[in-house]
Amino acid sequence: MHEEIINLLKNGNKLPEDAIDEIDNLDINQFSTTIKELGKQETEHIKSSKISKNLNTTYIGKNLYVYNEVNSTNTVAKFLSMQNVENGTVVISEKQKKGKGRSGKYWESPLGGVWLSIIFKPNVDQSKFPLITLATGVAVAKTLEKAGIENPEIKWPNDIMIDGKKVCGILTESVAKNNTIKNVVIGVGIDVNLETSQFPIELQKITTTLKEELGREYDENLLIQIFLEEFEKISELFNNEEYETILKEWRKRSYTIGKIVEVRKPFNPNFDAYVLGIDKEGALIVEKTDGTLEKVISGECIIKS
């Protein structure tokens, strides 16, 4: 992770090599201070001042670190989470060179999107971890509704869809101790003012952007502000153990329930199934072609019909 942070300083923020060498020799506290200071410098497109100006939250986004370019906001956020930053701290980057996805996937995130990570510190059992991703999906969907999208849907476990095309991905990573989640880093990537022609050819037909759906550009700073407010609302439900309320909001926006899917689970053969719903811990309940029921805790679902 130390090397990742050094690359952050080199690639996106244009510090001279002699300064990099000096920073590389700092102790961890001095190093952490340097990273924080860098995240407080002025950036060109994403402005912490614009996000904070009318931000109506008590703790989410009250501490913002905004960078020109990083490999991954999740990696920077995980580093900062180990330095005892405040609950609700948010790391944002105008660009990512190596954004993280599920199953070890990476992609480049250019200007025009919202690429951020939230450091969330719930005091809950690790069994509730999958619900954090679902709760974040609800927050993103509500954000898009406020931006003018009529029917955003959530594809289990971590994608937000508009008319069957992906507009947002979520990656949740945890740091746990004694079976209790101490820190959670929630990465969110929303395609805002991009053109689908910028995406790899294999993704162009299955991906969309807010700009293409609305027919106009949308202010990324405003979208971040709205999302942070929606996330705080849903995080309070989570902290108060109102899980059924979260699940109700998720189910009514589900893109997956009622569909035939191909289930891909780590280290297991793929299989086709009909999606019946999700249980109280966020696991997918499916009926296999032989009529048996199965609970899918982690994995991926490819929609077939």
Protein backbone atom coordinates (compact mmCIF):
# COMPACT_ATOMS: atom_id res chain seq x y z
CA MET A 1 0.00 0.00 0.00
CA HIS A 2 2.93 2.35 0.70
CA GLU A 3 4.01 1.96 -2.94
CA GLU A 4 0.45 2.75 -4.09
CA ILE A 5 0.49 6.01 -2.16
CA ILE A 6 3.88 6.94 -3.59
CA ASN A 7 2.45 6.32 -7.07
CA LEU A 8 -0.42 8.62 -6.17
CA LEU A 9 2.05 11.39 -5.48
CA LYS A 10 4.07 10.72 -8.64
CA ASN A 11 1.39 10.20 -11.23
CA GLY A 12 -1.49 12.48 -10.54
CA ASN A 13 -0.16 15.36 -8.54
CA LYS A 14 3.08 16.27 -10.32
CA LEU A 15 5.53 16.45 -7.43
CA PRO A 16 9.23 16.51 -8.32
CA GLU A 17 11.32 13.35 -7.85
CA ASP A 18 13.44 14.86 -5.08
CA ALA A 19 10.27 15.60 -3.12
CA ILE A 20 9.10 12.01 -3.68
CA ASP A 21 12.40 10.69 -2.33
CA GLU A 22 12.06 12.90 0.76
CA ILE A 23 8.49 11.76 1.38
CA ASP A 24 9.45 8.11 0.95
CA ASN A 25 11.72 8.43 4.00
CA LEU A 26 9.09 9.94 6.30
CA ASP A 27 7.74 7.99 9.25
CA ILE A 28 4.13 6.82 9.02
CA ASN A 29 2.65 9.79 10.90
CA GLN A 30 4.49 12.34 8.77
CA PHE A 31 3.63 10.34 5.65
CA SER A 32 -0.07 10.32 6.61
CA THR A 33 0.01 14.08 7.20
CA THR A 34 1.50 14.62 3.73
CA ILE A 35 -1.22 12.52 2.08
CA LYS A 36 -3.90 14.47 3.93
CA GLU A 37 -2.37 17.82 2.99
CA LEU A 38 -2.23 16.78 -0.65
CA GLY A 39 -5.94 15.93 -0.52
CA LYS A 40 -6.70 19.45 0.66
CA GLN A 41 -5.05 21.17 -2.31
CA GLU A 42 -7.13 22.87 -4.99
CA THR A 43 -8.29 20.69 -7.88
CA GLU A 44 -9.69 21.77 -11.23
CA HIS A 45 -13.03 19.99 -11.64
CA ILE A 46 -14.11 18.46 -8.34
CA LYS A 47 -14.21 21.20 -5.70
CA SER A 48 -14.48 20.38 -2.01
CA SER A 49 -15.76 23.93 -1.41
CA LYS A 50 -18.70 23.40 -3.80
CA ILE A 51 -19.54 20.03 -2.28
CA SER A 52 -19.37 21.33 1.29
CA LYS A 53 -21.19 24.63 0.71
CA ASN A 54 -24.73 23.29 1.10
CA LEU A 55 -23.93 19.79 2.37
CA ASN A 56 -26.65 18.81 4.84
CA THR A 57 -24.97 16.03 6.81
CA THR A 58 -23.71 15.64 10.36
CA TYR A 59 -20.66 13.48 9.66
CA ILE A 60 -20.60 11.98 6.15
CA GLY A 61 -18.37 14.13 3.94
CA LYS A 62 -17.49 16.61 6.64
CA ASN A 63 -13.90 15.59 6.05
CA LEU A 64 -13.07 15.54 2.32
CA TYR A 65 -9.82 14.65 0.55
CA VAL A 66 -9.87 15.45 -3.18
CA TYR A 67 -7.07 14.43 -5.56
CA ASN A 68 -6.29 15.10 -9.21
CA GLU A 69 -5.54 11.45 -9.94
CA VAL A 70 -5.01 8.24 -8.00
CA ASN A 71 -4.77 4.60 -8.93
CA SER A 72 -7.75 3.79 -6.69
CA THR A 73 -9.71 5.89 -4.18
CA ASN A 74 -10.39 2.69 -2.21
CA THR A 75 -6.69 2.11 -1.67
CA VAL A 76 -6.10 5.67 -0.49
CA ALA A 77 -9.18 5.47 1.74
CA LYS A 78 -7.97 2.19 3.27
CA PHE A 79 -4.62 3.81 4.04
CA LEU A 80 -6.31 6.79 5.68
CA SER A 81 -8.71 4.55 7.61
CA MET A 82 -5.67 2.99 9.31
CA GLN A 83 -4.61 6.47 10.46
CA ASN A 84 -7.73 6.97 12.58
CA VAL A 85 -9.45 9.54 10.37
CA GLU A 86 -13.00 10.49 11.26
CA ASN A 87 -16.00 8.29 10.51
CA GLY A 88 -17.57 9.51 7.27
CA THR A 89 -14.32 10.74 5.72
CA VAL A 90 -14.57 10.79 1.91
CA VAL A 91 -11.77 10.36 -0.64
CA ILE A 92 -12.51 11.68 -4.15
CA SER A 93 -10.41 11.72 -7.28
CA GLU A 94 -11.02 13.45 -10.61
CA LYS A 95 -9.44 10.43 -12.35
CA GLN A 96 -8.42 6.88 -11.47
CA LYS A 97 -5.72 5.01 -13.30
CA LYS A 98 -6.60 1.63 -11.81
CA GLY A 99 -10.07 1.74 -10.32
CA LYS A 100 -11.01 -1.38 -8.37
CA GLY A 101 -13.90 -3.68 -9.23
CA ARG A 102 -15.15 -7.03 -7.99
CA SER A 103 -13.14 -10.21 -8.58
CA GLY A 104 -9.88 -8.31 -8.94
CA LYS A 105 -11.01 -6.35 -12.00
CA TYR A 106 -9.51 -2.93 -12.74
CA TRP A 107 -10.40 -0.12 -15.10
CA GLU A 108 -9.38 3.43 -15.94
CA SER A 109 -11.75 6.16 -14.78
CA PRO A 110 -11.42 9.38 -16.82
CA LEU A 111 -12.57 12.92 -16.14
CA GLY A 112 -16.32 13.31 -16.17
CA GLY A 113 -17.29 10.72 -13.59
CA VAL A 114 -17.76 10.57 -9.84
CA TRP A 115 -15.06 8.37 -8.31
CA LEU A 116 -15.12 8.33 -4.52
CA SER A 117 -14.72 6.19 -1.41
CA ILE A 118 -16.34 6.60 1.99
CA ILE A 119 -14.73 5.48 5.23
CA PHE A 120 -17.62 4.11 7.30
CA LYS A 121 -17.20 2.77 10.83
CA PRO A 122 -20.25 0.72 11.83
CA ASN A 123 -20.12 -1.29 15.04
CA VAL A 124 -21.88 -4.40 13.74
CA ASP A 125 -21.27 -8.10 13.34
CA GLN A 126 -19.47 -9.14 10.17
CA SER A 127 -22.56 -11.08 9.04
CA LYS A 128 -24.19 -7.71 8.27
CA PHE A 129 -21.40 -6.70 5.89
CA PRO A 130 -23.31 -7.57 2.65
CA LEU A 131 -26.09 -5.19 3.71
CA ILE A 132 -23.69 -2.25 3.48
CA THR A 133 -23.35 -2.76 -0.27
CA LEU A 134 -27.14 -3.03 -0.65
CA ALA A 135 -27.66 0.10 1.45
CA THR A 136 -25.15 2.00 -0.68
CA GLY A 137 -27.01 0.89 -3.80
CA VAL A 138 -30.21 2.36 -2.39
CA ALA A 139 -28.40 5.65 -1.68
CA VAL A 140 -27.06 5.79 -5.26
CA ALA A 141 -30.49 4.99 -6.73
CA LYS A 142 -32.13 7.73 -4.66
CA THR A 143 -29.41 10.14 -5.77
CA LEU A 144 -30.10 9.38 -9.43
CA GLU A 145 -33.83 9.84 -8.83
CA LYS A 146 -33.14 13.31 -7.45
CA ALA A 147 -30.96 14.01 -10.50
CA GLY A 148 -33.93 13.29 -12.79
CA ILE A 149 -33.69 9.56 -13.55
CA GLU A 150 -37.17 8.06 -13.29
CA ASN A 151 -36.48 4.40 -12.60
CA PRO A 152 -32.93 3.48 -11.59
CA GLU A 153 -32.66 -0.16 -10.56
CA ILE A 154 -30.20 -2.15 -8.45
CA LYS A 155 -28.61 -5.31 -9.82
CA TRP A 156 -27.45 -7.65 -7.07
CA PRO A 157 -25.04 -7.18 -5.53
CA ASN A 158 -23.37 -3.95 -6.61
CA ASP A 159 -24.50 -2.36 -9.89
CA ILE A 160 -26.96 0.44 -10.57
CA MET A 161 -28.85 0.17 -13.85
CA ILE A 162 -30.85 2.52 -16.07
CA ASP A 163 -33.06 0.74 -18.64
CA GLY A 164 -30.91 -2.37 -18.39
CA LYS A 165 -27.57 -0.57 -18.73
CA LYS A 166 -24.99 -0.10 -15.99
CA VAL A 167 -24.35 3.44 -14.80
CA CYS A 168 -22.66 2.80 -11.45
CA GLY A 169 -20.60 0.17 -9.66
CA ILE A 170 -19.96 -0.27 -5.93
CA LEU A 171 -17.06 -2.02 -4.21
CA THR A 172 -17.16 -2.52 -0.44
CA GLU A 173 -14.06 -3.63 1.46
CA SER A 174 -13.84 -4.22 5.21
CA VAL A 175 -11.30 -4.25 8.00
CA ALA A 176 -12.58 -6.53 10.78
CA LYS A 177 -11.36 -7.55 14.23
CA ASN A 178 -12.86 -10.24 16.50
CA ASN A 179 -15.67 -10.79 13.99
CA THR A 180 -16.67 -7.13 14.25
CA ILE A 181 -16.32 -4.70 11.35
CA LYS A 182 -14.09 -1.81 12.42
CA ASN A 183 -13.66 0.09 9.17
CA VAL A 184 -15.50 -0.23 5.88
CA VAL A 185 -14.32 1.44 2.68
CA ILE A 186 -17.14 1.88 0.19
CA GLY A 187 -16.05 2.71 -3.34
CA VAL A 188 -18.59 4.24 -5.72
CA GLY A 189 -18.07 4.99 -9.40
CA ILE A 190 -20.81 6.81 -11.33
CA ASP A 191 -20.57 7.53 -15.06
CA VAL A 192 -21.80 11.11 -15.15
CA ASN A 193 -20.59 13.34 -18.00
CA LEU A 194 -18.96 10.66 -20.13
CA GLU A 195 -19.80 9.38 -23.59
CA THR A 196 -20.27 5.64 -23.97
CA SER A 197 -17.96 5.88 -26.99
CA GLN A 198 -15.15 6.44 -24.45
CA PHE A 199 -15.68 2.93 -23.05
CA PRO A 200 -14.13 -0.26 -24.44
CA ILE A 201 -16.17 -1.62 -27.37
CA GLU A 202 -17.37 -4.64 -25.39
CA LEU A 203 -18.94 -2.33 -22.78
CA GLN A 204 -20.56 0.28 -25.01
CA LYS A 205 -23.86 -1.56 -25.48
CA ILE A 206 -24.28 -2.49 -21.82
CA THR A 207 -23.22 0.78 -20.19
CA THR A 208 -24.79 4.22 -20.01
CA THR A 209 -24.06 7.62 -18.47
CA LEU A 210 -26.11 10.23 -16.67
CA LYS A 211 -25.39 12.71 -19.47
CA GLU A 212 -26.75 10.39 -22.14
CA GLU A 213 -29.85 9.55 -20.11
CA LEU A 214 -30.66 13.18 -19.24
CA GLY A 215 -29.60 14.66 -22.57
CA ARG A 216 -27.38 17.19 -20.81
CA GLU A 217 -24.40 17.42 -18.48
CA TYR A 218 -24.92 17.22 -14.74
CA ASP A 219 -22.77 18.96 -12.12
CA GLU A 220 -20.53 16.29 -10.55
CA ASN A 221 -20.09 18.38 -7.40
CA LEU A 222 -23.85 18.60 -6.90
CA LEU A 223 -24.25 14.89 -7.53
CA ILE A 224 -21.61 14.11 -4.88
CA GLN A 225 -23.37 16.39 -2.40
CA ILE A 226 -26.72 14.70 -2.98
CA PHE A 227 -25.18 11.24 -2.72
CA LEU A 228 -23.40 12.01 0.57
CA GLU A 229 -26.69 13.23 2.03
CA GLU A 230 -28.54 10.12 0.84
CA PHE A 231 -25.76 7.88 2.13
CA GLU A 232 -25.94 9.44 5.59
CA LYS A 233 -29.69 8.83 5.72
CA ILE A 234 -29.28 5.18 4.80
CA SER A 235 -26.26 4.77 7.11
CA GLU A 236 -28.35 5.99 10.04
CA LEU A 237 -30.89 3.27 9.26
CA PHE A 238 -28.01 0.81 9.24
CA ASN A 239 -26.57 2.06 12.53
CA ASN A 240 -30.02 1.85 14.13
CA GLU A 241 -30.37 -1.74 12.90
CA GLU A 242 -33.40 -0.86 10.74
CA TYR A 243 -32.31 -3.45 8.21
CA GLU A 244 -35.78 -4.34 7.00
CA THR A 245 -36.39 -0.72 5.97
CA ILE A 246 -33.22 -0.83 3.87
CA LEU A 247 -34.20 -4.17 2.34
CA LYS A 248 -37.68 -2.85 1.51
CA GLU A 249 -36.15 0.10 -0.36
CA TRP A 250 -33.76 -2.26 -2.15
CA ARG A 251 -36.45 -4.77 -3.16
CA LYS A 252 -38.70 -2.17 -4.78
CA ARG A 253 -35.77 -1.06 -6.96
CA SER A 254 -34.42 -4.54 -7.70
CA TYR A 255 -33.32 -5.32 -11.24
CA THR A 256 -32.56 -8.94 -10.30
CA ILE A 257 -35.60 -10.36 -8.51
CA GLY A 258 -37.87 -12.29 -10.87
CA LYS A 259 -35.19 -12.85 -13.50
CA ILE A 260 -33.44 -15.97 -14.76
CA VAL A 261 -29.74 -15.58 -14.15
CA GLU A 262 -26.44 -17.38 -14.44
CA VAL A 263 -24.90 -17.50 -10.96
CA ARG A 264 -21.13 -17.33 -10.78
CA LYS A 265 -19.74 -18.14 -7.35
CA PRO A 266 -16.03 -18.21 -6.46
CA PHE A 267 -14.52 -21.69 -6.74
CA ASN A 268 -17.86 -23.25 -7.77
CA PRO A 269 -19.38 -24.27 -11.11
CA ASN A 270 -21.72 -21.73 -12.69
CA PHE A 271 -25.42 -22.56 -12.71
CA ASP A 272 -28.71 -21.11 -13.98
CA ALA A 273 -31.46 -20.16 -11.55
CA TYR A 274 -34.60 -18.09 -11.02
CA VAL A 275 -34.20 -15.27 -8.50
CA LEU A 276 -36.84 -15.40 -5.77
CA GLY A 277 -35.57 -12.56 -3.57
CA ILE A 278 -33.04 -11.60 -0.91
CA ASP A 279 -33.00 -12.64 2.72
CA LYS A 280 -32.59 -10.48 5.83
CA GLU A 281 -28.80 -10.51 5.52
CA GLY A 282 -28.72 -9.53 1.85
CA ALA A 283 -28.05 -12.96 0.37
CA LEU A 284 -29.74 -13.82 -2.92
CA ILE A 285 -32.31 -16.64 -2.76
CA VAL A 286 -32.56 -18.56 -6.03
CA GLU A 287 -34.35 -21.63 -7.36
CA LYS A 288 -32.09 -23.86 -9.43
CA THR A 289 -33.29 -25.69 -12.53
CA ASP A 290 -33.67 -28.90 -10.50
CA GLY A 291 -36.10 -27.14 -8.16
CA THR A 292 -33.76 -26.84 -5.19
CA LEU A 293 -33.30 -23.53 -3.40
CA GLU A 294 -29.91 -22.00 -2.75
CA LYS A 295 -28.62 -18.99 -0.87
CA VAL A 296 -25.97 -16.98 -2.75
CA ILE A 297 -23.92 -14.94 -0.30
CA SER A 298 -21.23 -13.74 -2.70
CA GLY A 299 -20.67 -13.93 -6.41
CA GLU A 300 -22.05 -12.48 -9.60
CA CYS A 301 -25.34 -12.80 -11.47
CA ILE A 302 -25.52 -12.56 -15.25
CA ILE A 303 -29.05 -11.74 -16.38
CA LYS A 304 -30.29 -14.21 -19.01
CA SER A 305 -34.00 -13.30 -19.23
